[in-house]
Amino acid sequence: MALGMICAFFGFIWSIVVALGLGQWMIDKKMHLLFLNNPFTILPFNFWKMVALVVGLYAGAYIMGWIFAYVWNWYNKKPA
């Protein structure tokens, strides 16, 4: 659950950055620092896409965290 909340939080922050109009600048700056051309264009902010991003990130990370915890507990199971 914590992994899902962290990923959803970062998705929310990215949505705020895009809503403020800083997304393209951030992507361009990051690509420039990596000596790359930026082939991507940031689309205009859309509230429902933000909701889908945050919910999708939460659900995906929650499932991955659950799988990781299950495998971890199975692997570290102490003999009875």
PDB file of N, CA and C in Angstrom:
ATOM      1  N   MET A   1       0.830  -1.189   0.000  1.00  0.00           N
ATOM      2  CA  MET A   1       0.000   0.000   0.000  1.00  0.00           C
ATOM      3  C   MET A   1       0.878   1.256   0.000  1.00  0.00           C
ATOM      4  N   ALA A   2       1.974   1.203   0.712  1.00  0.00           N
ATOM      5  CA  ALA A   2       2.868   2.361   0.765  1.00  0.00           C
ATOM      6  C   ALA A   2       3.482   2.637  -0.602  1.00  0.00           C
ATOM      7  N   LEU A   3       3.870   1.589  -1.316  1.00  0.00           N
ATOM      8  CA  LEU A   3       4.438   1.775  -2.656  1.00  0.00           C
ATOM      9  C   LEU A   3       3.413   2.420  -3.578  1.00  0.00           C
ATOM     10  N   GLY A   4       2.162   1.988  -3.487  1.00  0.00           N
ATOM     11  CA  GLY A   4       1.103   2.587  -4.290  1.00  0.00           C
ATOM     12  C   GLY A   4       0.910   4.056  -3.973  1.00  0.00           C
ATOM     13  N   MET A   5       0.957   4.401  -2.700  1.00  0.00           N
ATOM     14  CA  MET A   5       0.772   5.797  -2.301  1.00  0.00           C
ATOM     15  C   MET A   5       1.936   6.667  -2.772  1.00  0.00           C
ATOM     16  N   ILE A   6       3.150   6.142  -2.712  1.00  0.00           N
ATOM     17  CA  ILE A   6       4.318   6.907  -3.161  1.00  0.00           C
ATOM     18  C   ILE A   6       4.239   7.163  -4.660  1.00  0.00           C
ATOM     19  N   CYS A   7       3.925   6.128  -5.430  1.00  0.00           N
ATOM     20  CA  CYS A   7       3.821   6.297  -6.884  1.00  0.00           C
ATOM     21  C   CYS A   7       2.683   7.238  -7.253  1.00  0.00           C
ATOM     22  N   ALA A   8       1.545   7.123  -6.578  1.00  0.00           N
ATOM     23  CA  ALA A   8       0.417   8.013  -6.840  1.00  0.00           C
ATOM     24  C   ALA A   8       0.787   9.460  -6.497  1.00  0.00           C
ATOM     25  N   PHE A   9       1.543   9.648  -5.431  1.00  0.00           N
ATOM     26  CA  PHE A   9       1.983  10.986  -5.049  1.00  0.00           C
ATOM     27  C   PHE A   9       2.853  11.606  -6.140  1.00  0.00           C
ATOM     28  N   PHE A  10       3.800  10.830  -6.677  1.00  0.00           N
ATOM     29  CA  PHE A  10       4.663  11.362  -7.737  1.00  0.00           C
ATOM     30  C   PHE A  10       3.867  11.641  -9.008  1.00  0.00           C
ATOM     31  N   GLY A  11       2.874  10.824  -9.309  1.00  0.00           N
ATOM     32  CA  GLY A  11       2.000  11.099 -10.443  1.00  0.00           C
ATOM     33  C   GLY A  11       1.215  12.374 -10.249  1.00  0.00           C
ATOM     34  N   PHE A  12       0.753  12.603  -9.019  1.00  0.00           N
ATOM     35  CA  PHE A  12       0.030  13.831  -8.701  1.00  0.00           C
ATOM     36  C   PHE A  12       0.938  15.050  -8.841  1.00  0.00           C
ATOM     37  N   ILE A  13       2.157  14.940  -8.351  1.00  0.00           N
ATOM     38  CA  ILE A  13       3.118  16.051  -8.471  1.00  0.00           C
ATOM     39  C   ILE A  13       3.396  16.354  -9.939  1.00  0.00           C
ATOM     40  N   TRP A  14       3.577  15.307 -10.772  1.00  0.00           N
ATOM     41  CA  TRP A  14       3.813  15.521 -12.197  1.00  0.00           C
ATOM     42  C   TRP A  14       2.610  16.223 -12.822  1.00  0.00           C
ATOM     43  N   SER A  15       1.407  15.854 -12.423  1.00  0.00           N
ATOM     44  CA  SER A  15       0.204  16.491 -12.950  1.00  0.00           C
ATOM     45  C   SER A  15       0.169  17.969 -12.587  1.00  0.00           C
ATOM     46  N   ILE A  16       0.577  18.302 -11.379  1.00  0.00           N
ATOM     47  CA  ILE A  16       0.627  19.706 -10.955  1.00  0.00           C
ATOM     48  C   ILE A  16       1.655  20.467 -11.794  1.00  0.00           C
ATOM     49  N   VAL A  17       2.809  19.851 -12.035  1.00  0.00           N
ATOM     50  CA  VAL A  17       3.846  20.482 -12.863  1.00  0.00           C
ATOM     51  C   VAL A  17       3.302  20.768 -14.262  1.00  0.00           C
ATOM     52  N   VAL A  18       2.594  19.798 -14.843  1.00  0.00           N
ATOM     53  CA  VAL A  18       2.015  19.991 -16.175  1.00  0.00           C
ATOM     54  C   VAL A  18       0.948  21.085 -16.131  1.00  0.00           C
ATOM     55  N   ALA A  19       0.116  21.094 -15.095  1.00  0.00           N
ATOM     56  CA  ALA A  19      -0.932  22.107 -14.970  1.00  0.00           C
ATOM     57  C   ALA A  19      -0.336  23.513 -14.858  1.00  0.00           C
ATOM     58  N   LEU A  20       0.827  23.624 -14.241  1.00  0.00           N
ATOM     59  CA  LEU A  20       1.492  24.927 -14.105  1.00  0.00           C
ATOM     60  C   LEU A  20       2.227  25.340 -15.373  1.00  0.00           C
ATOM     61  N   GLY A  21       2.289  24.437 -16.351  1.00  0.00           N
ATOM     62  CA  GLY A  21       2.955  24.750 -17.617  1.00  0.00           C
ATOM     63  C   GLY A  21       4.460  24.551 -17.591  1.00  0.00           C
ATOM     64  N   LEU A  22       4.965  23.827 -16.615  1.00  0.00           N
ATOM     65  CA  LEU A  22       6.407  23.630 -16.487  1.00  0.00           C
ATOM     66  C   LEU A  22       6.877  22.269 -16.989  1.00  0.00           C
ATOM     67  N   GLY A  23       5.970  21.416 -17.422  1.00  0.00           N
ATOM     68  CA  GLY A  23       6.327  20.060 -17.820  1.00  0.00           C
ATOM     69  C   GLY A  23       7.276  20.015 -19.006  1.00  0.00           C
ATOM     70  N   GLN A  24       6.966  20.786 -20.056  1.00  0.00           N
ATOM     71  CA  GLN A  24       7.824  20.773 -21.252  1.00  0.00           C
ATOM     72  C   GLN A  24       9.215  21.288 -20.925  1.00  0.00           C
ATOM     73  N   TRP A  25       9.278  22.330 -20.124  1.00  0.00           N
ATOM     74  CA  TRP A  25      10.578  22.885 -19.740  1.00  0.00           C
ATOM     75  C   TRP A  25      11.402  21.844 -18.981  1.00  0.00           C
ATOM     76  N   MET A  26      10.758  21.121 -18.052  1.00  0.00           N
ATOM     77  CA  MET A  26      11.482  20.116 -17.265  1.00  0.00           C
ATOM     78  C   MET A  26      11.995  18.979 -18.145  1.00  0.00           C
ATOM     79  N   ILE A  27      11.159  18.505 -19.061  1.00  0.00           N
ATOM     80  CA  ILE A  27      11.577  17.427 -19.957  1.00  0.00           C
ATOM     81  C   ILE A  27      12.713  17.895 -20.860  1.00  0.00           C
ATOM     82  N   ASP A  28      12.586  19.099 -21.414  1.00  0.00           N
ATOM     83  CA  ASP A  28      13.641  19.633 -22.281  1.00  0.00           C
ATOM     84  C   ASP A  28      14.956  19.770 -21.521  1.00  0.00           C
ATOM     85  N   LYS A  29      14.888  20.271 -20.290  1.00  0.00           N
ATOM     86  CA  LYS A  29      16.100  20.470 -19.484  1.00  0.00           C
ATOM     87  C   LYS A  29      16.765  19.132 -19.172  1.00  0.00           C
ATOM     88  N   LYS A  30      15.972  18.130 -18.776  1.00  0.00           N
ATOM     89  CA  LYS A  30      16.515  16.808 -18.443  1.00  0.00           C
ATOM     90  C   LYS A  30      17.168  16.169 -19.664  1.00  0.00           C
ATOM     91  N   MET A  31      16.505  16.246 -20.815  1.00  0.00           N
ATOM     92  CA  MET A  31      17.076  15.656 -22.032  1.00  0.00           C
ATOM     93  C   MET A  31      18.360  16.369 -22.429  1.00  0.00           C
ATOM     94  N   HIS A  32      18.382  17.685 -22.274  1.00  0.00           N
ATOM     95  CA  HIS A  32      19.584  18.456 -22.605  1.00  0.00           C
ATOM     96  C   HIS A  32      20.759  18.043 -21.723  1.00  0.00           C
ATOM     97  N   LEU A  33      20.510  17.814 -20.450  1.00  0.00           N
ATOM     98  CA  LEU A  33      21.571  17.392 -19.534  1.00  0.00           C
ATOM     99  C   LEU A  33      22.100  16.002 -19.873  1.00  0.00           C
ATOM    100  N   LEU A  34      21.271  15.188 -20.541  1.00  0.00           N
ATOM    101  CA  LEU A  34      21.682  13.835 -20.936  1.00  0.00           C
ATOM    102  C   LEU A  34      22.198  13.783 -22.366  1.00  0.00           C
ATOM    103  N   PHE A  35      22.422  14.957 -22.963  1.00  0.00           N
ATOM    104  CA  PHE A  35      22.926  15.070 -24.331  1.00  0.00           C
ATOM    105  C   PHE A  35      21.982  14.413 -25.332  1.00  0.00           C
ATOM    106  N   LEU A  36      20.687  14.601 -25.142  1.00  0.00           N
ATOM    107  CA  LEU A  36      19.685  14.007 -26.017  1.00  0.00           C
ATOM    108  C   LEU A  36      18.767  15.079 -26.582  1.00  0.00           C
ATOM    109  N   ASN A  37      18.218  14.796 -27.766  1.00  0.00           N
ATOM    110  CA  ASN A  37      17.147  15.611 -28.314  1.00  0.00           C
ATOM    111  C   ASN A  37      15.839  15.139 -27.740  1.00  0.00           C
ATOM    112  N   ASN A  38      14.934  16.042 -27.500  1.00  0.00           N
ATOM    113  CA  ASN A  38      13.651  15.660 -26.934  1.00  0.00           C
ATOM    114  C   ASN A  38      12.617  15.493 -28.047  1.00  0.00           C
ATOM    115  N   PRO A  39      12.197  14.251 -28.310  1.00  0.00           N
ATOM    116  CA  PRO A  39      11.178  14.040 -29.348  1.00  0.00           C
ATOM    117  C   PRO A  39       9.747  14.157 -28.798  1.00  0.00           C
ATOM    118  N   PHE A  40       9.581  14.420 -27.516  1.00  0.00           N
ATOM    119  CA  PHE A  40       8.268  14.416 -26.878  1.00  0.00           C
ATOM    120  C   PHE A  40       7.713  15.816 -26.693  1.00  0.00           C
ATOM    121  N   THR A  41       6.389  15.924 -26.779  1.00  0.00           N
ATOM    122  CA  THR A  41       5.692  17.172 -26.514  1.00  0.00           C
ATOM    123  C   THR A  41       4.679  16.906 -25.407  1.00  0.00           C
ATOM    124  N   ILE A  42       4.688  17.743 -24.398  1.00  0.00           N
ATOM    125  CA  ILE A  42       3.747  17.600 -23.287  1.00  0.00           C
ATOM    126  C   ILE A  42       2.384  18.134 -23.729  1.00  0.00           C
ATOM    127  N   LEU A  43       1.361  17.316 -23.551  1.00  0.00           N
ATOM    128  CA  LEU A  43       0.000  17.714 -23.908  1.00  0.00           C
ATOM    129  C   LEU A  43      -0.578  18.656 -22.851  1.00  0.00           C
ATOM    130  N   PRO A  44      -1.637  19.372 -23.194  1.00  0.00           N
ATOM    131  CA  PRO A  44      -2.274  20.246 -22.204  1.00  0.00           C
ATOM    132  C   PRO A  44      -2.846  19.437 -21.041  1.00  0.00           C
ATOM    133  N   PHE A  45      -2.937  20.088 -19.895  1.00  0.00           N
ATOM    134  CA  PHE A  45      -3.460  19.443 -18.695  1.00  0.00           C
ATOM    135  C   PHE A  45      -4.915  19.058 -18.889  1.00  0.00           C
ATOM    136  N   ASN A  46      -5.270  17.865 -18.396  1.00  0.00           N
ATOM    137  CA  ASN A  46      -6.654  17.389 -18.427  1.00  0.00           C
ATOM    138  C   ASN A  46      -6.929  16.722 -17.082  1.00  0.00           C
ATOM    139  N   PHE A  47      -7.948  17.194 -16.389  1.00  0.00           N
ATOM    140  CA  PHE A  47      -8.237  16.699 -15.043  1.00  0.00           C
ATOM    141  C   PHE A  47      -8.491  15.198 -15.029  1.00  0.00           C
ATOM    142  N   TRP A  48      -9.276  14.683 -15.975  1.00  0.00           N
ATOM    143  CA  TRP A  48      -9.625  13.261 -15.964  1.00  0.00           C
ATOM    144  C   TRP A  48      -8.430  12.380 -16.302  1.00  0.00           C
ATOM    145  N   LYS A  49      -7.522  12.897 -17.123  1.00  0.00           N
ATOM    146  CA  LYS A  49      -6.284  12.141 -17.373  1.00  0.00           C
ATOM    147  C   LYS A  49      -5.430  12.102 -16.107  1.00  0.00           C
ATOM    148  N   MET A  50      -5.453  13.200 -15.339  1.00  0.00           N
ATOM    149  CA  MET A  50      -4.721  13.213 -14.074  1.00  0.00           C
ATOM    150  C   MET A  50      -5.287  12.170 -13.121  1.00  0.00           C
ATOM    151  N   VAL A  51      -6.611  12.098 -13.038  1.00  0.00           N
ATOM    152  CA  VAL A  51      -7.248  11.115 -12.165  1.00  0.00           C
ATOM    153  C   VAL A  51      -6.875   9.703 -12.604  1.00  0.00           C
ATOM    154  N   ALA A  52      -6.921   9.434 -13.911  1.00  0.00           N
ATOM    155  CA  ALA A  52      -6.554   8.117 -14.430  1.00  0.00           C
ATOM    156  C   ALA A  52      -5.087   7.803 -14.140  1.00  0.00           C
ATOM    157  N   LEU A  53      -4.212   8.796 -14.268  1.00  0.00           N
ATOM    158  CA  LEU A  53      -2.787   8.596 -13.983  1.00  0.00           C
ATOM    159  C   LEU A  53      -2.569   8.227 -12.522  1.00  0.00           C
ATOM    160  N   VAL A  54      -3.153   8.987 -11.622  1.00  0.00           N
ATOM    161  CA  VAL A  54      -2.953   8.754 -10.189  1.00  0.00           C
ATOM    162  C   VAL A  54      -3.544   7.410  -9.765  1.00  0.00           C
ATOM    163  N   VAL A  55      -4.760   7.109 -10.204  1.00  0.00           N
ATOM    164  CA  VAL A  55      -5.396   5.836  -9.846  1.00  0.00           C
ATOM    165  C   VAL A  55      -4.645   4.665 -10.460  1.00  0.00           C
ATOM    166  N   GLY A  56      -4.247   4.802 -11.724  1.00  0.00           N
ATOM    167  CA  GLY A  56      -3.503   3.728 -12.384  1.00  0.00           C
ATOM    168  C   GLY A  56      -2.154   3.469 -11.731  1.00  0.00           C
ATOM    169  N   LEU A  57      -1.445   4.533 -11.376  1.00  0.00           N
ATOM    170  CA  LEU A  57      -0.164   4.362 -10.693  1.00  0.00           C
ATOM    171  C   LEU A  57      -0.350   3.704  -9.339  1.00  0.00           C
ATOM    172  N   TYR A  58      -1.377   4.135  -8.605  1.00  0.00           N
ATOM    173  CA  TYR A  58      -1.631   3.539  -7.296  1.00  0.00           C
ATOM    174  C   TYR A  58      -1.940   2.056  -7.422  1.00  0.00           C
ATOM    175  N   ALA A  59      -2.857   1.712  -8.323  1.00  0.00           N
ATOM    176  CA  ALA A  59      -3.260   0.307  -8.475  1.00  0.00           C
ATOM    177  C   ALA A  59      -2.099  -0.565  -8.932  1.00  0.00           C
ATOM    178  N   GLY A  60      -1.355  -0.098  -9.920  1.00  0.00           N
ATOM    179  CA  GLY A  60      -0.222  -0.878 -10.418  1.00  0.00           C
ATOM    180  C   GLY A  60       0.855  -1.083  -9.368  1.00  0.00           C
ATOM    181  N   ALA A  61       1.200  -0.018  -8.666  1.00  0.00           N
ATOM    182  CA  ALA A  61       2.245  -0.125  -7.638  1.00  0.00           C
ATOM    183  C   ALA A  61       1.754  -0.945  -6.448  1.00  0.00           C
ATOM    184  N   TYR A  62       0.460  -0.842  -6.121  1.00  0.00           N
ATOM    185  CA  TYR A  62      -0.095  -1.643  -5.033  1.00  0.00           C
ATOM    186  C   TYR A  62       0.019  -3.130  -5.362  1.00  0.00           C
ATOM    187  N   ILE A  63      -0.349  -3.491  -6.570  1.00  0.00           N
ATOM    188  CA  ILE A  63      -0.264  -4.897  -6.994  1.00  0.00           C
ATOM    189  C   ILE A  63       1.182  -5.369  -7.012  1.00  0.00           C
ATOM    190  N   MET A  64       2.080  -4.561  -7.542  1.00  0.00           N
ATOM    191  CA  MET A  64       3.501  -4.949  -7.572  1.00  0.00           C
ATOM    192  C   MET A  64       4.063  -5.068  -6.159  1.00  0.00           C
ATOM    193  N   GLY A  65       3.673  -4.190  -5.265  1.00  0.00           N
ATOM    194  CA  GLY A  65       4.116  -4.280  -3.875  1.00  0.00           C
ATOM    195  C   GLY A  65       3.584  -5.527  -3.190  1.00  0.00           C
ATOM    196  N   TRP A  66       2.340  -5.874  -3.484  1.00  0.00           N
ATOM    197  CA  TRP A  66       1.758  -7.083  -2.906  1.00  0.00           C
ATOM    198  C   TRP A  66       2.495  -8.314  -3.407  1.00  0.00           C
ATOM    199  N   ILE A  67       2.781  -8.363  -4.708  1.00  0.00           N
ATOM    200  CA  ILE A  67       3.516  -9.497  -5.279  1.00  0.00           C
ATOM    201  C   ILE A  67       4.910  -9.584  -4.663  1.00  0.00           C
ATOM    202  N   PHE A  68       5.592  -8.455  -4.551  1.00  0.00           N
ATOM    203  CA  PHE A  68       6.927  -8.451  -3.951  1.00  0.00           C
ATOM    204  C   PHE A  68       6.870  -8.960  -2.515  1.00  0.00           C
ATOM    205  N   ALA A  69       5.893  -8.491  -1.726  1.00  0.00           N
ATOM    206  CA  ALA A  69       5.780  -8.926  -0.327  1.00  0.00           C
ATOM    207  C   ALA A  69       5.483 -10.424  -0.243  1.00  0.00           C
ATOM    208  N   TYR A  70       4.627 -10.926  -1.124  1.00  0.00           N
ATOM    209  CA  TYR A  70       4.298 -12.352  -1.129  1.00  0.00           C
ATOM    210  C   TYR A  70       5.533 -13.195  -1.427  1.00  0.00           C
ATOM    211  N   VAL A  71       6.268 -12.808  -2.468  1.00  0.00           N
ATOM    212  CA  VAL A  71       7.484 -13.549  -2.826  1.00  0.00           C
ATOM    213  C   VAL A  71       8.518 -13.439  -1.715  1.00  0.00           C
ATOM    214  N   TRP A  72       8.676 -12.256  -1.156  1.00  0.00           N
ATOM    215  CA  TRP A  72       9.640 -12.052  -0.073  1.00  0.00           C
ATOM    216  C   TRP A  72       9.298 -12.943   1.121  1.00  0.00           C
ATOM    217  N   ASN A  73       8.046 -12.951   1.523  1.00  0.00           N
ATOM    218  CA  ASN A  73       7.639 -13.763   2.668  1.00  0.00           C
ATOM    219  C   ASN A  73       7.753 -15.258   2.372  1.00  0.00           C
ATOM    220  N   TRP A  74       7.453 -15.662   1.149  1.00  0.00           N
ATOM    221  CA  TRP A  74       7.576 -17.063   0.764  1.00  0.00           C
ATOM    222  C   TRP A  74       9.040 -17.498   0.782  1.00  0.00           C
ATOM    223  N   TYR A  75       9.913 -16.634   0.258  1.00  0.00           N
ATOM    224  CA  TYR A  75      11.335 -16.959   0.192  1.00  0.00           C
ATOM    225  C   TYR A  75      11.971 -16.982   1.579  1.00  0.00           C
ATOM    226  N   ASN A  76      11.537 -16.124   2.478  1.00  0.00           N
ATOM    227  CA  ASN A  76      12.141 -16.011   3.814  1.00  0.00           C
ATOM    228  C   ASN A  76      11.355 -16.769   4.869  1.00  0.00           C
ATOM    229  N   LYS A  77      10.524 -17.691   4.440  1.00  0.00           N
ATOM    230  CA  LYS A  77       9.731 -18.476   5.388  1.00  0.00           C
ATOM    231  C   LYS A  77      10.669 -19.363   6.201  1.00  0.00           C
ATOM    232  N   LYS A  78      10.511 -19.346   7.512  1.00  0.00           N
ATOM    233  CA  LYS A  78      11.331 -20.184   8.388  1.00  0.00           C
ATOM    234  C   LYS A  78      10.708 -21.568   8.474  1.00  0.00           C
ATOM    235  N   PRO A  79      11.537 -22.601   8.491  1.00  0.00           N
ATOM    236  CA  PRO A  79      10.977 -23.948   8.624  1.00  0.00           C
ATOM    237  C   PRO A  79      10.274 -24.122   9.968  1.00  0.00           C
ATOM    238  N   ALA A  80       9.173 -24.860   9.956  1.00  0.00           N
ATOM    239  CA  ALA A  80       8.372 -25.034  11.170  1.00  0.00           C
ATOM    240  C   ALA A  80       9.024 -25.980  12.154  1.00  0.00           C
TER     241      ALA A  80
END
